[in-house]
């Protein structure tokens, strides 16, 4: 019983503490006066920003299914964060998500239940009234339960649950309505690309473990054994695994992170093997590289991972490796992001190889190597978001050829240049990039043609697209 009482008591005390300065000394409860319904435009779309966390209500993983979870995430204004008010009468509305077309609901009247989406119907669990709060904020109160939409346990983390709870008018129950614009028919928006694009589609393609049997691992020993097996496999990582050193990944593997899967302390090395897929994992505090690809490894896809606070490279590719796509990853709180080619003296192994596509990655306050390229030509860097990059964005060195197109550079003084340190210059062609408070970059030379088909997102939209989709936990696998 105490386990149930404690979090509820904590939540009530937090609300009381936040409002104590406005109450008489004898007051022992929060009294919420009846509020008039806020005025909303049913022809417009809104983003709902929580007053406590400053983060937006978010349709998690861009789901289109009934039961898709509603959580919070850094505000991007992407379609999965946009909602429309649908008037159902008597002062109540459905909250319809622009991406999925489904509406926000609760499963029952219990405190703390996860808020989800569902196909619209007459069910009163889908009906919400707006109650006014301080500073122009509102609370969403459910018709069925008479409880308020609630940021659970006052979290400030991306991915924190949106629930319902007794209407206490705490800052975690207050929402700012950010009106984005009108239009009752949303434009086509398929959400983040999740399929394989780029160099890893060449040379026969990249399928990983394919339809091989699935193994779920929960500790370092099981993970090490599964990765090092000579057999094709689909490996699911569950929970947080603490490990050390570099774990060898053999050919024909698909490595998928279940929700929240995290690798702490170690990294993966693909050494001369081929046909490997790594998706939906968080790597942190690695002692060497998080992912190292070397010795002519080919057909590798590194997608929708998060990298933070490691020692050396997040993703380093070297020594003649080829046909690789690095997509939809997020790097933050880290120095050396992505190295392509390890040495100026390795031309004999690297020339004609090191062909890599980097697309829709979010370099979030990281420092350098996004990527730093030697010898590879063409290397394709497109539709990435560079935010507050302190050192430099892209460096083309040692006769490499890098096409930099359709990227969004914000607060990045040196977006791209030729040469780096003692390495001589390569070639770099830049086109259709978008700059906000950033430098103009350095270009020169020519780059070989791109052999595969791809769709280039509008550069000015890349920030919202990438922040809405990059990193672990943003796809269902």
Protein backbone atom coordinates (compact mmCIF):
# COMPACT_ATOMS: atom_id res chain seq x y z
CA UNK A 1 0.00 0.00 0.00
CA UNK A 2 2.79 2.43 0.87
CA UNK A 3 4.29 2.01 -2.61
CA UNK A 4 1.06 3.39 -4.07
CA UNK A 5 0.66 6.21 -1.58
CA UNK A 6 4.16 7.67 -1.72
CA UNK A 7 4.24 8.94 -5.34
CA UNK A 8 0.77 10.43 -5.00
CA UNK A 9 1.76 12.22 -1.80
CA UNK A 10 4.92 13.49 -3.48
CA UNK A 11 2.91 14.88 -6.38
CA UNK A 12 0.46 16.68 -4.09
CA UNK A 13 3.27 18.16 -2.01
CA UNK A 14 4.97 19.41 -5.17
CA UNK A 15 1.81 21.25 -6.20
CA UNK A 16 1.30 22.66 -2.71
CA UNK A 17 4.90 23.85 -2.52
CA UNK A 18 4.63 25.54 -5.89
CA UNK A 19 1.53 27.46 -4.83
CA UNK A 20 2.31 28.09 -1.15
CA UNK A 21 3.43 31.66 -1.65
CA UNK A 22 -0.03 32.58 -2.91
CA UNK A 23 -1.98 30.89 -0.07
CA UNK A 24 -2.76 32.10 3.44
CA UNK A 25 -0.76 30.44 6.19
CA UNK A 26 -3.74 28.34 7.26
CA UNK A 27 -4.45 26.99 3.79
CA UNK A 28 -4.02 23.24 3.47
CA UNK A 29 -5.44 22.50 0.01
CA UNK A 30 -5.44 23.87 -3.50
CA UNK A 31 -8.79 25.26 -4.59
CA UNK A 32 -9.35 25.58 -8.30
CA UNK A 33 -12.12 27.92 -9.33
CA UNK A 34 -14.34 26.93 -12.25
CA UNK A 35 -12.83 28.27 -15.46
CA UNK A 36 -14.40 29.45 -18.65
CA UNK A 37 -13.45 27.44 -21.70
CA UNK A 38 -10.52 28.93 -23.57
CA UNK A 39 -11.22 30.21 -27.06
CA UNK A 40 -9.69 28.01 -29.76
CA UNK A 41 -9.75 27.98 -33.54
CA UNK A 42 -11.10 24.64 -34.75
CA UNK A 43 -9.66 25.31 -38.20
CA UNK A 44 -6.09 25.63 -36.91
CA UNK A 45 -3.40 23.28 -35.65
CA UNK A 46 -1.75 23.69 -32.26
CA UNK A 47 1.32 22.46 -30.44
CA UNK A 48 0.76 21.86 -26.71
CA UNK A 49 3.80 22.84 -24.62
CA UNK A 50 3.95 21.80 -20.98
CA UNK A 51 4.52 24.70 -18.60
CA UNK A 52 6.76 22.67 -16.28
CA UNK A 53 9.08 20.95 -18.78
CA UNK A 54 8.88 23.29 -21.77
CA UNK A 55 8.46 20.23 -24.01
CA UNK A 56 5.71 19.40 -26.45
CA UNK A 57 3.02 16.75 -26.43
CA UNK A 58 4.20 14.20 -28.98
CA UNK A 59 2.69 11.22 -30.80
CA UNK A 60 5.47 8.78 -30.00
CA UNK A 61 7.29 7.03 -32.84
CA UNK A 62 4.95 8.65 -35.37
CA UNK A 63 2.46 5.85 -34.72
CA UNK A 64 -0.65 5.49 -36.87
CA UNK A 65 -2.10 2.66 -34.77
CA UNK A 66 -4.79 2.70 -32.10
CA UNK A 67 -2.94 2.65 -28.80
CA UNK A 68 -0.08 4.81 -30.05
CA UNK A 69 1.40 6.51 -26.98
CA UNK A 70 1.31 10.21 -26.20
CA UNK A 71 4.54 11.38 -24.58
CA UNK A 72 6.58 14.57 -24.44
CA UNK A 73 9.55 15.52 -26.59
CA UNK A 74 11.65 18.52 -27.51
CA UNK A 75 9.42 20.85 -29.49
CA UNK A 76 9.84 20.40 -33.26
CA UNK A 77 6.44 21.51 -34.63
CA UNK A 78 6.43 18.35 -36.77
CA UNK A 79 3.03 16.89 -37.69
CA UNK A 80 3.18 14.30 -34.91
CA UNK A 81 3.20 17.22 -32.43
CA UNK A 82 0.31 19.09 -34.03
CA UNK A 83 -3.27 18.72 -32.80
CA UNK A 84 -6.60 20.09 -33.98
CA UNK A 85 -9.61 20.80 -31.77
CA UNK A 86 -12.73 18.99 -32.99
CA UNK A 87 -15.87 20.44 -31.39
CA UNK A 88 -18.13 17.67 -30.02
CA UNK A 89 -20.54 19.99 -28.23
CA UNK A 90 -21.25 21.09 -24.66
CA UNK A 91 -17.82 22.71 -24.38
CA UNK A 92 -15.84 19.53 -25.14
CA UNK A 93 -13.36 18.75 -27.91
CA UNK A 94 -11.52 15.83 -29.39
CA UNK A 95 -7.78 16.41 -29.83
CA UNK A 96 -6.95 15.08 -33.29
CA UNK A 97 -3.33 14.46 -34.24
CA UNK A 98 -2.32 15.87 -37.59
CA UNK A 99 -0.04 12.98 -38.52
CA UNK A 100 -2.28 10.02 -37.65
CA UNK A 101 -5.76 11.54 -37.83
CA UNK A 102 -6.56 9.80 -34.53
CA UNK A 103 -7.66 11.41 -31.28
CA UNK A 104 -6.31 11.53 -27.73
CA UNK A 105 -7.99 9.20 -25.23
CA UNK A 106 -7.68 7.56 -21.81
CA UNK A 107 -8.49 3.88 -21.18
CA UNK A 108 -10.27 4.35 -17.84
CA UNK A 109 -10.64 6.69 -14.86
CA UNK A 110 -7.51 5.65 -12.94
CA UNK A 111 -4.81 8.09 -11.90
CA UNK A 112 -1.56 7.63 -13.78
CA UNK A 113 -2.80 5.72 -16.83
CA UNK A 114 -0.96 6.30 -20.11
CA UNK A 115 -2.71 8.61 -22.55
CA UNK A 116 -2.90 7.16 -26.06
CA UNK A 117 -4.55 7.74 -29.44
CA UNK A 118 -7.54 5.95 -30.93
CA UNK A 119 -9.89 6.15 -33.90
CA UNK A 120 -12.46 8.87 -33.26
CA UNK A 121 -15.88 7.81 -31.95
CA UNK A 122 -18.57 9.11 -29.59
CA UNK A 123 -16.78 7.65 -26.54
CA UNK A 124 -16.59 10.32 -23.81
CA UNK A 125 -13.08 9.14 -22.89
CA UNK A 126 -12.03 11.02 -26.05
CA UNK A 127 -13.66 14.29 -24.94
CA UNK A 128 -11.73 17.09 -23.26
CA UNK A 129 -12.73 20.48 -21.92
CA UNK A 130 -10.33 23.37 -21.49
CA UNK A 131 -9.92 24.87 -18.03
CA UNK A 132 -8.10 28.17 -17.75
CA UNK A 133 -4.91 28.44 -15.66
CA UNK A 134 -2.37 31.14 -14.92
CA UNK A 135 -0.43 32.97 -17.64
CA UNK A 136 -2.92 32.06 -20.35
CA UNK A 137 -2.26 28.32 -19.96
CA UNK A 138 -5.00 25.70 -20.02
CA UNK A 139 -5.64 22.31 -18.49
CA UNK A 140 -7.24 19.47 -20.47
CA UNK A 141 -9.93 17.82 -18.33
CA UNK A 142 -11.43 14.53 -19.49
CA UNK A 143 -15.21 14.19 -19.73
CA UNK A 144 -15.28 10.56 -18.61
CA UNK A 145 -12.85 10.71 -15.68
CA UNK A 146 -12.93 14.44 -14.81
CA UNK A 147 -9.14 14.22 -14.51
CA UNK A 148 -6.47 16.37 -16.14
CA UNK A 149 -3.77 15.61 -18.68
CA UNK A 150 -0.64 15.33 -16.58
CA UNK A 151 3.11 15.17 -17.19
CA UNK A 152 3.84 12.15 -15.03
CA UNK A 153 6.11 12.68 -12.02
CA UNK A 154 7.05 16.17 -13.19
CA UNK A 155 9.60 14.74 -15.63
CA UNK A 156 11.72 16.95 -17.89
CA UNK A 157 13.01 14.03 -19.98
CA UNK A 158 12.26 13.37 -23.64
CA UNK A 159 9.87 10.44 -23.85
CA UNK A 160 8.25 11.03 -20.46
CA UNK A 161 4.72 9.70 -20.20
CA UNK A 162 1.63 11.87 -20.51
CA UNK A 163 -1.01 10.50 -18.15
CA UNK A 164 -4.15 11.66 -16.40
CA UNK A 165 -4.38 12.64 -12.76
CA UNK A 166 -6.70 14.46 -10.37
CA UNK A 167 -6.98 18.09 -11.46
CA UNK A 168 -4.59 19.92 -9.10
CA UNK A 169 -3.62 22.78 -11.44
CA UNK A 170 0.10 22.07 -11.03
CA UNK A 171 2.55 23.38 -13.61
CA UNK A 172 2.88 19.82 -14.94
CA UNK A 173 -0.85 19.94 -15.83
CA UNK A 174 -0.72 23.34 -17.52
CA UNK A 175 -0.26 23.61 -21.26
CA UNK A 176 0.52 26.50 -23.56
CA UNK A 177 -1.49 26.46 -26.78
CA UNK A 178 0.85 27.39 -29.65
CA UNK A 179 -1.22 28.10 -32.74
CA UNK A 180 0.61 27.14 -35.94
CA UNK A 181 -1.93 27.94 -38.63
CA UNK A 182 -5.18 26.99 -40.28
CA UNK A 183 -6.34 24.45 -42.79
CA UNK A 184 -8.68 21.59 -42.03
CA UNK A 185 -6.98 19.18 -44.44
CA UNK A 186 -3.39 18.34 -43.47
CA UNK A 187 -0.83 18.17 -46.25
CA UNK A 188 0.76 14.82 -47.03
CA UNK A 189 3.37 13.96 -44.43
CA UNK A 190 4.62 10.40 -44.23
CA UNK A 191 6.72 11.12 -41.13
CA UNK A 192 10.38 10.23 -40.85
CA UNK A 193 11.83 7.99 -43.52
CA UNK A 194 12.55 4.62 -41.99
CA UNK A 195 13.76 2.64 -44.99
CA UNK A 196 17.31 2.13 -46.15
CA UNK A 197 18.68 4.77 -48.53
CA UNK A 198 22.19 5.51 -49.73
CA UNK A 199 25.40 3.61 -50.22
CA UNK A 200 24.29 0.59 -48.17
CA UNK A 201 21.72 -0.17 -50.90
CA UNK A 202 24.55 -0.82 -53.36
CA UNK A 203 26.82 -3.86 -53.76
CA UNK A 204 23.89 -6.25 -53.36
CA UNK A 205 22.17 -4.31 -50.58
CA UNK A 206 22.12 -4.66 -46.80
CA UNK A 207 19.68 -7.03 -45.10
CA UNK A 208 21.42 -7.90 -41.83
CA UNK A 209 20.03 -11.02 -40.23
CA UNK A 210 17.05 -11.02 -42.57
CA UNK A 211 14.45 -13.58 -41.49
CA UNK A 212 16.79 -15.42 -39.14
CA UNK A 213 15.65 -16.32 -35.65
CA UNK A 214 15.48 -13.63 -32.97
CA UNK A 215 17.53 -13.67 -29.79
CA UNK A 216 16.85 -11.23 -26.94
CA UNK A 217 19.83 -10.32 -24.76
CA UNK A 218 19.81 -8.57 -21.39
CA UNK A 219 23.43 -8.78 -20.18
CA UNK A 220 26.97 -8.36 -21.48
CA UNK A 221 27.76 -12.05 -21.69
CA UNK A 222 24.71 -12.88 -23.79
CA UNK A 223 25.26 -9.83 -26.00
CA UNK A 224 28.92 -10.71 -26.62
CA UNK A 225 28.04 -14.28 -27.55
CA UNK A 226 25.19 -13.31 -29.87
CA UNK A 227 27.20 -10.67 -31.73
CA UNK A 228 30.16 -13.00 -32.21
CA UNK A 229 28.15 -15.92 -33.56
CA UNK A 230 28.97 -17.01 -37.10
CA UNK A 231 25.27 -17.57 -37.85
CA UNK A 232 22.83 -15.01 -39.24
CA UNK A 233 20.70 -13.58 -36.45
CA UNK A 234 18.32 -10.85 -35.35
CA UNK A 235 19.48 -9.69 -31.92
CA UNK A 236 17.20 -7.65 -29.69
CA UNK A 237 18.79 -5.70 -26.86
CA UNK A 238 16.61 -5.17 -23.80
CA UNK A 239 17.33 -2.86 -20.88
CA UNK A 240 20.70 -1.35 -19.98
CA UNK A 241 23.79 -3.46 -20.59
CA UNK A 242 27.04 -2.47 -18.88
CA UNK A 243 30.13 -3.77 -20.65
CA UNK A 244 33.72 -2.89 -21.46
CA UNK A 245 36.05 -2.86 -24.45
CA UNK A 246 34.91 -3.50 -28.02
CA UNK A 247 32.45 -6.31 -28.83
CA UNK A 248 33.02 -8.04 -32.18
CA UNK A 249 30.03 -8.08 -34.55
CA UNK A 250 30.09 -10.81 -37.18
CA UNK A 251 28.42 -10.83 -40.59
CA UNK A 252 24.68 -11.07 -41.25
CA UNK A 253 23.41 -9.50 -38.05
CA UNK A 254 20.49 -7.19 -37.33
CA UNK A 255 20.86 -5.57 -33.91
CA UNK A 256 17.73 -3.82 -32.65
CA UNK A 257 17.14 -2.00 -29.41
CA UNK A 258 13.89 -2.54 -27.58
CA UNK A 259 12.40 0.56 -25.98
CA UNK A 260 15.07 2.25 -23.83
CA UNK A 261 17.85 -0.19 -24.75
CA UNK A 262 21.22 1.27 -23.75
CA UNK A 263 24.83 0.16 -24.12
CA UNK A 264 27.06 1.63 -21.41
CA UNK A 265 30.86 1.49 -21.32
CA UNK A 266 31.67 -0.51 -24.44
CA UNK A 267 31.34 -0.32 -28.21
CA UNK A 268 30.77 -2.53 -31.25
CA UNK A 269 33.47 -3.31 -33.80
CA UNK A 270 32.78 -4.66 -37.29
CA UNK A 271 36.14 -5.91 -38.50
CA UNK A 272 36.19 -7.27 -42.04
CA UNK A 273 32.61 -8.53 -41.80
CA UNK A 274 29.63 -7.53 -43.93
CA UNK A 275 25.87 -7.10 -43.98
CA UNK A 276 25.20 -5.64 -40.52
CA UNK A 277 22.32 -3.43 -39.34
CA UNK A 278 22.39 -1.53 -36.01
CA UNK A 279 19.24 0.38 -35.03
CA UNK A 280 17.47 2.01 -32.09
CA UNK A 281 20.22 1.80 -29.47
CA UNK A 282 21.60 4.41 -27.09
CA UNK A 283 25.37 4.31 -26.54
CA UNK A 284 26.97 6.24 -23.70
CA UNK A 285 30.27 6.43 -21.84
CA UNK A 286 32.07 4.12 -24.27
CA UNK A 287 35.79 3.71 -23.60
CA UNK A 288 37.02 3.52 -27.23
CA UNK A 289 34.58 3.99 -30.13
CA UNK A 290 30.84 3.43 -29.88
CA UNK A 291 30.77 1.83 -33.35
CA UNK A 292 33.97 1.03 -35.24
CA UNK A 293 33.85 -0.23 -38.84
CA UNK A 294 37.15 -1.31 -40.38
CA UNK A 295 39.25 -3.73 -42.44
CA UNK A 296 37.16 -3.67 -45.63
CA UNK A 297 33.83 -4.23 -43.88
CA UNK A 298 30.97 -3.64 -46.32
CA UNK A 299 27.23 -3.11 -46.43
CA UNK A 300 26.60 -1.63 -43.01
CA UNK A 301 23.53 0.38 -41.94
CA UNK A 302 23.73 2.41 -38.70
CA UNK A 303 20.33 3.99 -38.09
CA UNK A 304 18.27 5.75 -35.41
CA UNK A 305 20.80 5.48 -32.60
CA UNK A 306 21.76 7.99 -29.92
CA UNK A 307 25.36 8.65 -28.89
CA UNK A 308 26.49 10.68 -25.90
CA UNK A 309 29.43 11.24 -23.56
CA UNK A 310 31.90 8.72 -24.96
CA UNK A 311 35.68 8.73 -25.28
CA UNK A 312 36.52 8.57 -28.99
CA UNK A 313 34.37 8.35 -32.12
CA UNK A 314 30.64 7.80 -32.10
CA UNK A 315 30.83 6.14 -35.53
CA UNK A 316 34.30 5.68 -37.04
CA UNK A 317 34.69 4.06 -40.47
CA UNK A 318 38.15 3.24 -41.82
CA UNK A 319 40.66 0.91 -43.47
CA UNK A 320 38.95 0.27 -46.79
CA UNK A 321 35.38 -0.17 -45.55
CA UNK A 322 32.68 0.61 -48.09
CA UNK A 323 28.95 0.75 -48.96
CA UNK A 324 27.71 2.20 -45.68
CA UNK A 325 24.74 4.34 -44.65
CA UNK A 326 24.67 6.32 -41.39
CA UNK A 327 21.17 7.75 -40.93
CA UNK A 328 18.82 9.33 -38.39
CA UNK A 329 21.29 9.23 -35.49
CA UNK A 330 21.65 11.85 -32.76
CA UNK A 331 25.00 12.84 -31.25
CA UNK A 332 25.01 15.17 -28.25
CA UNK A 333 27.28 15.96 -25.32
CA UNK A 334 30.25 14.54 -27.22
CA UNK A 335 33.42 15.70 -28.99
CA UNK A 336 34.47 13.44 -31.90
CA UNK A 337 31.42 12.36 -33.85
CA UNK A 338 32.15 10.55 -37.11
CA UNK A 339 35.56 9.86 -38.65
CA UNK A 340 35.83 8.50 -42.19
CA UNK A 341 39.39 7.37 -42.92
CA UNK A 342 41.88 7.13 -40.07
CA UNK A 343 45.26 8.10 -41.54
CA UNK A 344 46.77 10.29 -44.26
CA UNK A 345 49.12 7.40 -45.10
CA UNK A 346 46.43 4.80 -45.85
CA UNK A 347 45.65 5.75 -49.45
CA UNK A 348 46.48 2.32 -50.89
CA UNK A 349 43.66 0.71 -48.91
CA UNK A 350 41.19 3.60 -48.89
CA UNK A 351 41.17 5.13 -52.38
CA UNK A 352 38.14 3.87 -54.30
CA UNK A 353 36.43 2.85 -51.05
CA UNK A 354 35.10 4.65 -47.96
CA UNK A 355 31.85 5.47 -49.77
CA UNK A 356 29.33 6.46 -47.12
CA UNK A 357 25.97 8.27 -46.99
CA UNK A 358 25.25 10.44 -43.94
CA UNK A 359 21.66 11.63 -43.88
CA UNK A 360 19.09 12.97 -41.40
CA UNK A 361 21.52 12.88 -38.49
CA UNK A 362 21.25 15.41 -35.67
CA UNK A 363 24.61 16.80 -34.56
CA UNK A 364 23.40 18.45 -31.39
CA UNK A 365 26.08 20.61 -29.79
CA UNK A 366 28.82 18.14 -30.68
CA UNK A 367 32.26 19.47 -31.52
CA UNK A 368 33.89 18.01 -34.65
CA UNK A 369 33.96 15.30 -37.35
CA UNK A 370 30.48 15.45 -38.84
CA UNK A 371 32.16 13.76 -40.72
CA UNK A 372 35.93 14.26 -41.16
CA UNK A 373 36.67 12.57 -44.48
CA UNK A 374 39.84 11.16 -46.04
CA UNK A 375 40.01 9.63 -49.55
CA UNK A 376 36.34 8.57 -49.95
CA UNK A 377 34.62 9.80 -53.14
CA UNK A 378 31.75 10.37 -53.38
CA UNK A 379 30.74 10.78 -49.76
CA UNK A 380 27.18 12.05 -49.49
CA UNK A 381 26.20 14.33 -46.59
CA UNK A 382 22.58 15.43 -46.93
CA UNK A 383 19.57 16.58 -44.91
CA UNK A 384 21.44 16.60 -41.59
CA UNK A 385 20.77 19.13 -38.83
CA UNK A 386 23.82 20.84 -37.32
CA UNK A 387 22.89 22.64 -34.11
CA UNK A 388 25.39 24.64 -32.03
CA UNK A 389 28.36 22.76 -33.46
CA UNK A 390 31.33 24.30 -31.69
CA UNK A 391 34.31 23.17 -33.80
CA UNK A 392 33.42 22.41 -37.41
CA UNK A 393 30.80 20.54 -39.37
CA UNK A 394 32.25 18.69 -42.37
CA UNK A 395 35.94 18.47 -43.34
CA UNK A 396 37.03 17.11 -46.73
CA UNK A 397 40.70 16.12 -46.72
CA UNK A 398 43.27 14.01 -48.59
CA UNK A 399 41.65 14.15 -52.04
CA UNK A 400 38.25 13.02 -50.76
CA UNK A 401 35.12 14.11 -52.62
CA UNK A 402 32.19 15.19 -50.44
CA UNK A 403 28.77 16.37 -51.59
CA UNK A 404 27.13 18.48 -48.87
CA UNK A 405 23.53 19.25 -49.78
CA UNK A 406 20.22 20.14 -48.23
CA UNK A 407 21.55 20.41 -44.68
CA UNK A 408 20.39 22.82 -41.98
CA UNK A 409 23.20 24.65 -40.15
CA UNK A 410 22.23 26.63 -37.06
CA UNK A 411 24.66 28.44 -34.76
CA UNK A 412 27.51 26.66 -36.54
CA UNK A 413 30.29 29.14 -37.39
CA UNK A 414 32.30 26.68 -39.55
CA UNK A 415 29.83 24.45 -41.42
CA UNK A 416 32.37 22.85 -43.80
CA UNK A 417 35.91 23.34 -45.01
CA UNK A 418 38.82 21.83 -46.95
CA UNK A 419 41.73 20.23 -45.13
CA UNK A 420 41.98 19.69 -41.40
CA UNK A 421 44.99 19.75 -39.12
CA UNK A 422 47.96 18.31 -41.02
CA UNK A 423 45.70 16.64 -43.63
CA UNK A 424 45.69 18.24 -47.06
CA UNK A 425 42.51 19.37 -48.78
CA UNK A 426 39.94 17.30 -50.57
CA UNK A 427 37.07 18.43 -52.78
CA UNK A 428 33.73 19.61 -51.47
CA UNK A 429 30.65 20.64 -53.40
CA UNK A 430 27.88 22.35 -51.41
CA UNK A 431 24.38 23.06 -52.68
CA UNK A 432 20.96 23.97 -51.34
CA UNK A 433 21.99 24.20 -47.69
CA UNK A 434 20.13 26.35 -45.16
CA UNK A 435 22.02 28.62 -42.75
CA UNK A 436 20.83 30.26 -39.54
CA UNK A 437 23.43 32.32 -37.66
CA UNK A 438 26.18 30.24 -39.27
CA UNK A 439 29.20 30.69 -41.50
CA UNK A 440 29.13 30.20 -45.26
CA UNK A 441 31.63 27.35 -45.55
CA UNK A 442 34.52 26.60 -47.90
CA UNK A 443 34.18 24.66 -51.15
CA UNK A 444 36.38 23.59 -54.03
CA UNK A 445 36.95 20.93 -56.66
CA UNK A 446 34.50 18.37 -58.01
CA UNK A 447 32.85 15.24 -56.64
CA UNK A 448 31.93 11.97 -58.37
CA UNK A 449 28.26 11.31 -59.14
CA UNK A 450 25.83 9.73 -56.69
CA UNK A 451 24.73 6.34 -58.11
CA UNK A 452 21.56 5.72 -56.09
CA UNK A 453 18.18 7.43 -55.99
CA UNK A 454 17.14 9.52 -52.99
CA UNK A 455 14.63 12.20 -52.04
CA UNK A 456 15.98 15.49 -50.75
CA UNK A 457 13.84 17.18 -48.10
CA UNK A 458 13.37 20.94 -48.35
CA UNK A 459 16.42 22.34 -46.51
CA UNK A 460 14.43 24.85 -44.43
CA UNK A 461 12.27 21.98 -43.12
CA UNK A 462 15.20 19.77 -42.12
CA UNK A 463 15.40 21.04 -38.54
CA UNK A 464 11.83 20.02 -37.71
CA UNK A 465 12.07 16.77 -39.66
CA UNK A 466 15.31 15.64 -38.06
CA UNK A 467 14.57 16.71 -34.49
CA UNK A 468 11.23 14.95 -34.82
CA UNK A 469 12.76 11.69 -35.98
CA UNK A 470 16.46 11.28 -35.20
CA UNK A 471 17.87 9.14 -32.42
CA UNK A 472 16.82 6.06 -30.51
CA UNK A 473 13.21 5.72 -29.45
CA UNK A 474 11.80 7.48 -32.49
CA UNK A 475 10.87 4.40 -34.53
CA UNK A 476 9.14 1.10 -33.89
CA UNK A 477 11.36 -1.88 -34.69
